[in-house]
Every structure is written in structure tokens, then in C-alpha cells.
Amino acid sequence: MDLLHACREGCGLQAAALLRRSRPFDKELQIAGLVQDLGELLRPGDAAEAVRPLLGERVSRLLRMHARAGDEAGLRALAAAGPDGEAAAALRQAHDAAGAAGLDAGVLEDWRPLLELVAVAVGRAARARNGNDPLGSPRGSIAGIP
């Protein structure tokens, strides 16, 4: 949240709001729109890697794809790249429209619950991949053995 507060001059908040309206069920895409400006604070290209541990592989992938789609040809290539390509193209379009939108996008704190929701889901998925039960060991078990 501190990094996002430092990006206030960027268009991430407006892009996220536009994506919330156009793709209300794609929460990871909305989060990618929100955090896209982190690259301005970090070295170019680092935003995708910086958010991957907390916000997951898909948000990271969308940010990488978004960064590569700088022109109309890049947008067409993304749109042809399947569902995540289409989502990354929507992210790029929201980014481009955000500066001119004049949209009241609310405040950054409005996004905290969604950021936390995505981060918790990513953490839960990581624990499941590692074989750790997210609810812990059953009562009466020893070292995870029931």
C-alpha cells in the first residue's frame, strides 16, 4: 500500500476503476490495473516481478504482457494470444484511457479489501502447492499426520 500511495500521480487508480466497470468479475485484472504504475518507482520491468510473490503469477503475467503492448499492433497480438492476452489488451486500453477519462476513481483505500483478497488467495494456493494444509493439522495429529 505504501508503494501505491507513492504512485498517486499515475493512472493506476483510474485504470482499475475502468476495468472494474468493463470486467467486473476479473479481480486479478483490476488489481493489475491498480499496480501497473509501480514500474515507475522500480526499475523498468520490475513491477511484474515485484508483485508476483504477493499478487500471483497471473497479475505478474498481465503486467509483463501490458508492458510489451505499446502500440496498436501489440494490442492486436495480445488479443490473439488467448484469454490472458485479451485481458492484457484490456489493461493497456484502460491505461491509455485513464489519463483522459476524468473519472472519479475513488480513493486507494477502497481497493485494500480486494488487494487482501487476491493476496490471501495467492498465499493459499502456494501453500496447497507445497502440500501444506491452509487450515493446519487436524486436532490430535502429530506433525500433520492424522
N, C-alpha and C. Protein backbone atom coordinates (compact mmCIF):
# COMPACT_ATOMS: atom_id res chain seq x y z
N MET A 1 0.83 -1.19 0.00
CA MET A 1 0.00 0.00 0.00
C MET A 1 0.87 1.25 0.00
N ASP A 2 2.02 1.19 0.68
CA ASP A 2 2.89 2.36 0.71
C ASP A 2 3.38 2.72 -0.69
N LEU A 3 3.76 1.70 -1.46
CA LEU A 3 4.20 1.96 -2.84
C LEU A 3 3.07 2.52 -3.68
N LEU A 4 1.88 2.01 -3.49
CA LEU A 4 0.74 2.52 -4.26
C LEU A 4 0.44 3.97 -3.89
N HIS A 5 0.58 4.31 -2.63
CA HIS A 5 0.37 5.70 -2.22
C HIS A 5 1.40 6.61 -2.88
N ALA A 6 2.61 6.10 -3.07
CA ALA A 6 3.66 6.89 -3.72
C ALA A 6 3.38 7.08 -5.22
N CYS A 7 2.53 6.26 -5.80
CA CYS A 7 2.21 6.33 -7.23
C CYS A 7 0.97 7.17 -7.51
N ARG A 8 0.54 7.99 -6.61
CA ARG A 8 -0.71 8.72 -6.76
C ARG A 8 -0.83 9.49 -8.06
N GLU A 9 0.28 9.95 -8.61
CA GLU A 9 0.23 10.74 -9.83
C GLU A 9 -0.04 9.86 -11.05
N GLY A 10 0.10 8.55 -10.91
CA GLY A 10 -0.12 7.64 -12.02
C GLY A 10 -1.60 7.44 -12.31
N CYS A 11 -1.87 6.62 -13.30
CA CYS A 11 -3.26 6.39 -13.71
C CYS A 11 -3.79 5.05 -13.23
N GLY A 12 -3.07 4.38 -12.32
CA GLY A 12 -3.48 3.06 -11.86
C GLY A 12 -4.86 3.03 -11.23
N LEU A 13 -5.17 3.99 -10.42
CA LEU A 13 -6.46 4.02 -9.75
C LEU A 13 -7.59 4.17 -10.77
N GLN A 14 -7.41 5.05 -11.73
CA GLN A 14 -8.43 5.23 -12.77
C GLN A 14 -8.53 4.01 -13.67
N ALA A 15 -7.39 3.41 -14.03
CA ALA A 15 -7.41 2.21 -14.86
C ALA A 15 -8.15 1.08 -14.15
N ALA A 16 -7.87 0.91 -12.86
CA ALA A 16 -8.55 -0.13 -12.08
C ALA A 16 -10.06 0.10 -12.05
N ALA A 17 -10.46 1.36 -11.89
CA ALA A 17 -11.89 1.68 -11.86
C ALA A 17 -12.53 1.40 -13.23
N LEU A 18 -11.84 1.72 -14.30
CA LEU A 18 -12.37 1.42 -15.64
C LEU A 18 -12.49 -0.09 -15.85
N LEU A 19 -11.50 -0.83 -15.39
CA LEU A 19 -11.55 -2.29 -15.52
C LEU A 19 -12.64 -2.89 -14.64
N ARG A 20 -12.88 -2.30 -13.48
CA ARG A 20 -13.95 -2.78 -12.61
C ARG A 20 -15.29 -2.66 -13.32
N ARG A 21 -15.46 -1.59 -14.11
CA ARG A 21 -16.72 -1.40 -14.85
C ARG A 21 -16.82 -2.32 -16.06
N SER A 22 -15.72 -2.47 -16.80
CA SER A 22 -15.78 -3.25 -18.04
C SER A 22 -15.64 -4.76 -17.81
N ARG A 23 -14.94 -5.16 -16.75
CA ARG A 23 -14.72 -6.58 -16.44
C ARG A 23 -14.88 -6.81 -14.95
N PRO A 24 -16.12 -6.71 -14.47
CA PRO A 24 -16.34 -6.73 -13.02
C PRO A 24 -15.97 -8.04 -12.32
N PHE A 25 -15.88 -9.13 -13.06
CA PHE A 25 -15.60 -10.41 -12.41
C PHE A 25 -14.12 -10.78 -12.45
N ASP A 26 -13.31 -10.01 -13.15
CA ASP A 26 -11.88 -10.32 -13.27
C ASP A 26 -11.10 -9.48 -12.26
N LYS A 27 -11.07 -9.95 -11.04
CA LYS A 27 -10.44 -9.21 -9.95
C LYS A 27 -8.93 -9.07 -10.14
N GLU A 28 -8.27 -10.11 -10.66
CA GLU A 28 -6.83 -10.02 -10.88
C GLU A 28 -6.49 -8.97 -11.93
N LEU A 29 -7.31 -8.85 -12.95
CA LEU A 29 -7.10 -7.82 -13.96
C LEU A 29 -7.25 -6.43 -13.35
N GLN A 30 -8.24 -6.25 -12.52
CA GLN A 30 -8.43 -4.96 -11.85
C GLN A 30 -7.22 -4.61 -10.99
N ILE A 31 -6.70 -5.60 -10.28
CA ILE A 31 -5.52 -5.39 -9.44
C ILE A 31 -4.31 -5.06 -10.31
N ALA A 32 -4.18 -5.73 -11.45
CA ALA A 32 -3.08 -5.40 -12.37
C ALA A 32 -3.18 -3.95 -12.81
N GLY A 33 -4.40 -3.48 -13.08
CA GLY A 33 -4.59 -2.08 -13.43
C GLY A 33 -4.18 -1.15 -12.31
N LEU A 34 -4.48 -1.55 -11.10
CA LEU A 34 -4.15 -0.72 -9.94
C LEU A 34 -2.64 -0.59 -9.72
N VAL A 35 -1.92 -1.68 -9.89
CA VAL A 35 -0.49 -1.69 -9.56
C VAL A 35 0.42 -1.44 -10.75
N GLN A 36 -0.14 -1.20 -11.92
CA GLN A 36 0.68 -1.05 -13.12
C GLN A 36 1.72 0.07 -13.02
N ASP A 37 1.46 1.10 -12.26
CA ASP A 37 2.38 2.23 -12.17
C ASP A 37 3.57 1.98 -11.24
N LEU A 38 3.60 0.84 -10.57
CA LEU A 38 4.73 0.56 -9.68
C LEU A 38 6.05 0.54 -10.45
N GLY A 39 5.99 0.23 -11.74
CA GLY A 39 7.20 0.21 -12.55
C GLY A 39 7.88 1.56 -12.61
N GLU A 40 7.12 2.64 -12.40
CA GLU A 40 7.72 3.97 -12.40
C GLU A 40 8.58 4.20 -11.16
N LEU A 41 8.26 3.50 -10.08
CA LEU A 41 9.06 3.62 -8.85
C LEU A 41 10.21 2.63 -8.83
N LEU A 42 10.00 1.52 -9.50
CA LEU A 42 11.02 0.48 -9.55
C LEU A 42 11.75 0.60 -10.89
N ARG A 43 12.75 -0.20 -11.08
CA ARG A 43 13.40 -0.22 -12.39
C ARG A 43 12.40 -0.73 -13.41
N PRO A 44 12.46 -0.24 -14.66
CA PRO A 44 11.51 -0.71 -15.68
C PRO A 44 11.51 -2.23 -15.76
N GLY A 45 10.33 -2.79 -15.82
CA GLY A 45 10.18 -4.24 -15.92
C GLY A 45 10.14 -4.95 -14.59
N ASP A 46 10.45 -4.25 -13.50
CA ASP A 46 10.48 -4.90 -12.20
C ASP A 46 9.12 -5.00 -11.54
N ALA A 47 8.15 -4.25 -11.98
CA ALA A 47 6.84 -4.27 -11.32
C ALA A 47 6.25 -5.66 -11.36
N ALA A 48 6.33 -6.33 -12.51
CA ALA A 48 5.74 -7.66 -12.64
C ALA A 48 6.39 -8.64 -11.66
N GLU A 49 7.70 -8.60 -11.55
CA GLU A 49 8.39 -9.50 -10.63
C GLU A 49 8.18 -9.08 -9.17
N ALA A 50 8.08 -7.79 -8.94
CA ALA A 50 7.90 -7.31 -7.56
C ALA A 50 6.57 -7.75 -6.98
N VAL A 51 5.51 -7.80 -7.78
CA VAL A 51 4.19 -8.15 -7.25
C VAL A 51 3.89 -9.64 -7.30
N ARG A 52 4.68 -10.40 -8.05
CA ARG A 52 4.39 -11.83 -8.23
C ARG A 52 4.26 -12.60 -6.91
N PRO A 53 5.18 -12.46 -5.95
CA PRO A 53 5.03 -13.25 -4.72
C PRO A 53 3.76 -12.93 -3.94
N LEU A 54 3.32 -11.71 -3.99
CA LEU A 54 2.15 -11.30 -3.20
C LEU A 54 0.84 -11.42 -3.98
N LEU A 55 0.87 -11.04 -5.25
CA LEU A 55 -0.38 -10.97 -6.03
C LEU A 55 -0.50 -12.07 -7.07
N GLY A 56 0.49 -12.90 -7.21
CA GLY A 56 0.37 -14.09 -8.02
C GLY A 56 0.91 -13.99 -9.44
N GLU A 57 1.01 -15.17 -10.03
CA GLU A 57 1.58 -15.29 -11.37
C GLU A 57 0.73 -14.61 -12.42
N ARG A 58 -0.59 -14.70 -12.32
CA ARG A 58 -1.43 -14.10 -13.36
C ARG A 58 -1.31 -12.58 -13.38
N VAL A 59 -1.35 -11.93 -12.23
CA VAL A 59 -1.19 -10.48 -12.18
C VAL A 59 0.17 -10.11 -12.76
N SER A 60 1.20 -10.85 -12.39
CA SER A 60 2.54 -10.61 -12.91
C SER A 60 2.58 -10.77 -14.43
N ARG A 61 1.98 -11.83 -14.92
CA ARG A 61 1.94 -12.08 -16.37
C ARG A 61 1.19 -10.97 -17.11
N LEU A 62 0.07 -10.53 -16.57
CA LEU A 62 -0.68 -9.44 -17.20
C LEU A 62 0.15 -8.16 -17.26
N LEU A 63 0.91 -7.87 -16.21
CA LEU A 63 1.76 -6.69 -16.21
C LEU A 63 2.88 -6.80 -17.25
N ARG A 64 3.47 -8.00 -17.36
CA ARG A 64 4.52 -8.19 -18.38
C ARG A 64 3.95 -8.02 -19.78
N MET A 65 2.80 -8.61 -20.03
CA MET A 65 2.17 -8.50 -21.35
C MET A 65 1.77 -7.06 -21.64
N HIS A 66 1.23 -6.38 -20.66
CA HIS A 66 0.83 -4.98 -20.80
C HIS A 66 2.01 -4.11 -21.18
N ALA A 67 3.16 -4.36 -20.57
CA ALA A 67 4.35 -3.56 -20.84
C ALA A 67 4.84 -3.75 -22.28
N ARG A 68 4.60 -4.92 -22.85
CA ARG A 68 5.05 -5.19 -24.22
C ARG A 68 4.10 -4.66 -25.28
N ALA A 69 2.88 -4.34 -24.91
CA ALA A 69 1.88 -3.92 -25.91
C ALA A 69 1.83 -2.40 -25.98
N GLY A 70 2.82 -1.82 -26.58
CA GLY A 70 2.91 -0.37 -26.60
C GLY A 70 2.19 0.30 -27.76
N ASP A 71 1.79 -0.45 -28.79
CA ASP A 71 1.15 0.18 -29.94
C ASP A 71 -0.03 -0.67 -30.40
N GLU A 72 -0.68 -0.23 -31.46
CA GLU A 72 -1.87 -0.93 -31.97
C GLU A 72 -1.56 -2.36 -32.40
N ALA A 73 -0.41 -2.56 -33.04
CA ALA A 73 -0.02 -3.90 -33.46
C ALA A 73 0.18 -4.80 -32.24
N GLY A 74 0.76 -4.25 -31.18
CA GLY A 74 0.94 -5.01 -29.95
C GLY A 74 -0.38 -5.39 -29.32
N LEU A 75 -1.36 -4.49 -29.38
CA LEU A 75 -2.70 -4.79 -28.85
C LEU A 75 -3.35 -5.91 -29.64
N ARG A 76 -3.23 -5.88 -30.96
CA ARG A 76 -3.81 -6.95 -31.79
C ARG A 76 -3.15 -8.28 -31.49
N ALA A 77 -1.85 -8.27 -31.31
CA ALA A 77 -1.14 -9.51 -30.98
C ALA A 77 -1.61 -10.06 -29.63
N LEU A 78 -1.80 -9.17 -28.68
CA LEU A 78 -2.28 -9.61 -27.38
C LEU A 78 -3.68 -10.21 -27.48
N ALA A 79 -4.55 -9.53 -28.19
CA ALA A 79 -5.94 -10.00 -28.31
C ALA A 79 -5.99 -11.39 -28.94
N ALA A 80 -5.00 -11.72 -29.75
CA ALA A 80 -4.97 -13.04 -30.40
C ALA A 80 -4.29 -14.08 -29.52
N ALA A 81 -3.77 -13.69 -28.38
CA ALA A 81 -3.00 -14.59 -27.53
C ALA A 81 -3.83 -15.31 -26.49
N GLY A 82 -5.12 -15.37 -26.66
CA GLY A 82 -5.96 -16.10 -25.72
C GLY A 82 -6.52 -15.21 -24.62
N PRO A 83 -7.13 -15.84 -23.61
CA PRO A 83 -7.82 -15.08 -22.56
C PRO A 83 -6.93 -14.08 -21.82
N ASP A 84 -5.71 -14.48 -21.44
CA ASP A 84 -4.85 -13.54 -20.75
C ASP A 84 -4.36 -12.44 -21.69
N GLY A 85 -4.20 -12.77 -22.95
CA GLY A 85 -3.84 -11.75 -23.93
C GLY A 85 -4.94 -10.71 -24.08
N GLU A 86 -6.17 -11.19 -24.12
CA GLU A 86 -7.31 -10.27 -24.21
C GLU A 86 -7.38 -9.40 -22.96
N ALA A 87 -7.12 -10.00 -21.80
CA ALA A 87 -7.15 -9.25 -20.55
C ALA A 87 -6.02 -8.20 -20.54
N ALA A 88 -4.83 -8.58 -21.01
CA ALA A 88 -3.71 -7.63 -21.05
C ALA A 88 -4.01 -6.50 -22.04
N ALA A 89 -4.69 -6.81 -23.14
CA ALA A 89 -5.08 -5.76 -24.09
C ALA A 89 -6.07 -4.80 -23.42
N ALA A 90 -7.00 -5.35 -22.64
CA ALA A 90 -7.96 -4.50 -21.91
C ALA A 90 -7.22 -3.64 -20.89
N LEU A 91 -6.20 -4.20 -20.26
CA LEU A 91 -5.38 -3.45 -19.31
C LEU A 91 -4.69 -2.28 -20.00
N ARG A 92 -4.11 -2.53 -21.16
CA ARG A 92 -3.44 -1.47 -21.91
C ARG A 92 -4.44 -0.39 -22.33
N GLN A 93 -5.62 -0.81 -22.78
CA GLN A 93 -6.63 0.16 -23.20
C GLN A 93 -7.11 1.00 -22.01
N ALA A 94 -7.29 0.35 -20.86
CA ALA A 94 -7.70 1.09 -19.66
C ALA A 94 -6.61 2.07 -19.24
N HIS A 95 -5.37 1.65 -19.34
CA HIS A 95 -4.25 2.53 -19.01
C HIS A 95 -4.26 3.76 -19.92
N ASP A 96 -4.43 3.52 -21.21
CA ASP A 96 -4.44 4.63 -22.16
C ASP A 96 -5.63 5.56 -21.96
N ALA A 97 -6.78 5.00 -21.58
CA ALA A 97 -7.99 5.80 -21.39
C ALA A 97 -8.03 6.51 -20.03
N ALA A 98 -7.28 6.00 -19.08
CA ALA A 98 -7.37 6.51 -17.71
C ALA A 98 -6.97 7.98 -17.60
N GLY A 99 -5.94 8.38 -18.26
CA GLY A 99 -5.49 9.76 -18.15
C GLY A 99 -6.51 10.75 -18.68
N ALA A 100 -7.24 10.34 -19.70
CA ALA A 100 -8.20 11.25 -20.34
C ALA A 100 -9.61 11.07 -19.82
N ALA A 101 -9.81 10.09 -18.97
CA ALA A 101 -11.17 9.74 -18.58
C ALA A 101 -11.83 10.80 -17.70
N GLY A 102 -11.07 11.52 -16.89
CA GLY A 102 -11.67 12.46 -15.96
C GLY A 102 -12.59 11.75 -14.98
N LEU A 103 -12.31 10.53 -14.72
CA LEU A 103 -13.13 9.64 -13.92
C LEU A 103 -12.86 9.83 -12.43
N ASP A 104 -13.91 9.91 -11.64
CA ASP A 104 -13.75 9.90 -10.19
C ASP A 104 -13.56 8.43 -9.79
N ALA A 105 -12.33 8.07 -9.55
CA ALA A 105 -11.99 6.67 -9.30
C ALA A 105 -12.03 6.32 -7.81
N GLY A 106 -12.44 7.22 -6.97
CA GLY A 106 -12.47 6.94 -5.55
C GLY A 106 -11.09 7.11 -4.94
N VAL A 107 -10.84 6.41 -3.86
CA VAL A 107 -9.57 6.52 -3.16
C VAL A 107 -8.90 5.15 -3.11
N LEU A 108 -7.61 5.16 -2.93
CA LEU A 108 -6.82 3.94 -2.91
C LEU A 108 -7.29 2.97 -1.83
N GLU A 109 -7.67 3.48 -0.69
CA GLU A 109 -8.10 2.61 0.41
C GLU A 109 -9.31 1.76 0.04
N ASP A 110 -10.11 2.21 -0.93
CA ASP A 110 -11.25 1.41 -1.39
C ASP A 110 -10.80 0.07 -1.96
N TRP A 111 -9.55 0.01 -2.42
CA TRP A 111 -9.03 -1.20 -3.06
C TRP A 111 -8.36 -2.15 -2.09
N ARG A 112 -8.15 -1.73 -0.86
CA ARG A 112 -7.45 -2.60 0.11
C ARG A 112 -8.12 -3.96 0.27
N PRO A 113 -9.45 -4.06 0.43
CA PRO A 113 -10.06 -5.39 0.60
C PRO A 113 -9.80 -6.32 -0.59
N LEU A 114 -9.84 -5.78 -1.80
CA LEU A 114 -9.60 -6.62 -2.98
C LEU A 114 -8.13 -7.03 -3.05
N LEU A 115 -7.23 -6.12 -2.74
CA LEU A 115 -5.81 -6.48 -2.69
C LEU A 115 -5.58 -7.61 -1.68
N GLU A 116 -6.18 -7.48 -0.52
CA GLU A 116 -6.03 -8.51 0.51
C GLU A 116 -6.65 -9.83 0.07
N LEU A 117 -7.80 -9.77 -0.58
CA LEU A 117 -8.46 -10.98 -1.07
C LEU A 117 -7.57 -11.72 -2.06
N VAL A 118 -7.00 -11.01 -3.02
CA VAL A 118 -6.13 -11.63 -4.01
C VAL A 118 -4.87 -12.17 -3.34
N ALA A 119 -4.28 -11.40 -2.42
CA ALA A 119 -3.07 -11.86 -1.74
C ALA A 119 -3.33 -13.11 -0.91
N VAL A 120 -4.46 -13.17 -0.23
CA VAL A 120 -4.80 -14.36 0.57
C VAL A 120 -4.99 -15.57 -0.35
N ALA A 121 -5.66 -15.39 -1.47
CA ALA A 121 -5.87 -16.50 -2.41
C ALA A 121 -4.54 -16.99 -2.97
N VAL A 122 -3.63 -16.09 -3.27
CA VAL A 122 -2.32 -16.48 -3.78
C VAL A 122 -1.55 -17.25 -2.71
N GLY A 123 -1.58 -16.76 -1.49
CA GLY A 123 -0.91 -17.46 -0.39
C GLY A 123 -1.49 -18.84 -0.15
N ARG A 124 -2.80 -18.95 -0.21
CA ARG A 124 -3.47 -20.24 -0.01
C ARG A 124 -3.08 -21.21 -1.12
N ALA A 125 -3.04 -20.74 -2.36
CA ALA A 125 -2.67 -21.59 -3.49
C ALA A 125 -1.22 -22.05 -3.36
N ALA A 126 -0.35 -21.17 -2.90
CA ALA A 126 1.06 -21.53 -2.72
C ALA A 126 1.21 -22.59 -1.64
N ARG A 127 0.48 -22.44 -0.56
CA ARG A 127 0.55 -23.45 0.50
C ARG A 127 0.01 -24.78 0.01
N ALA A 128 -1.04 -24.76 -0.78
CA ALA A 128 -1.61 -26.01 -1.31
C ALA A 128 -0.61 -26.69 -2.24
N ARG A 129 0.10 -25.90 -3.08
CA ARG A 129 1.11 -26.48 -3.99
C ARG A 129 2.24 -27.10 -3.20
N ASN A 130 2.56 -26.54 -2.06
CA ASN A 130 3.66 -27.06 -1.25
C ASN A 130 3.22 -28.19 -0.33
N GLY A 131 1.96 -28.55 -0.40
CA GLY A 131 1.46 -29.66 0.41
C GLY A 131 1.09 -29.28 1.82
N ASN A 132 1.05 -28.01 2.12
CA ASN A 132 0.66 -27.56 3.46
C ASN A 132 -0.84 -27.32 3.48
N ASP A 133 -1.50 -27.86 4.47
CA ASP A 133 -2.93 -27.63 4.63
C ASP A 133 -3.13 -26.23 5.17
N PRO A 134 -3.87 -25.36 4.43
CA PRO A 134 -4.03 -23.99 4.90
C PRO A 134 -4.76 -23.87 6.23
N LEU A 135 -5.44 -24.92 6.65
CA LEU A 135 -6.16 -24.87 7.93
C LEU A 135 -5.35 -25.47 9.06
N GLY A 136 -4.16 -25.97 8.76
CA GLY A 136 -3.31 -26.54 9.80
C GLY A 136 -3.60 -28.01 10.01
N SER A 137 -2.89 -28.58 10.93
CA SER A 137 -3.04 -30.00 11.23
C SER A 137 -4.34 -30.27 11.97
N PRO A 138 -4.97 -31.40 11.70
CA PRO A 138 -6.17 -31.74 12.44
C PRO A 138 -5.86 -31.92 13.92
N ARG A 139 -6.87 -31.67 14.76
CA ARG A 139 -6.68 -31.79 16.21
C ARG A 139 -6.27 -33.22 16.56
N GLY A 140 -5.28 -33.32 17.39
CA GLY A 140 -4.81 -34.64 17.82
C GLY A 140 -3.75 -35.24 16.91
N SER A 141 -3.37 -34.57 15.86
CA SER A 141 -2.36 -35.12 14.96
C SER A 141 -0.97 -34.71 15.40
N ILE A 142 -0.01 -35.43 14.93
CA ILE A 142 1.38 -35.13 15.24
C ILE A 142 2.08 -34.81 13.92
N ALA A 143 2.63 -33.63 13.82
CA ALA A 143 3.39 -33.19 12.65
C ALA A 143 2.59 -33.38 11.37
N GLY A 144 1.30 -33.13 11.43
CA GLY A 144 0.48 -33.18 10.22
C GLY A 144 0.00 -34.56 9.85
N ILE A 145 0.30 -35.58 10.67
CA ILE A 145 -0.15 -36.94 10.38
C ILE A 145 -1.37 -37.20 11.25
N PRO A 146 -2.56 -37.43 10.62
CA PRO A 146 -3.79 -37.61 11.41
C PRO A 146 -3.76 -38.85 12.28
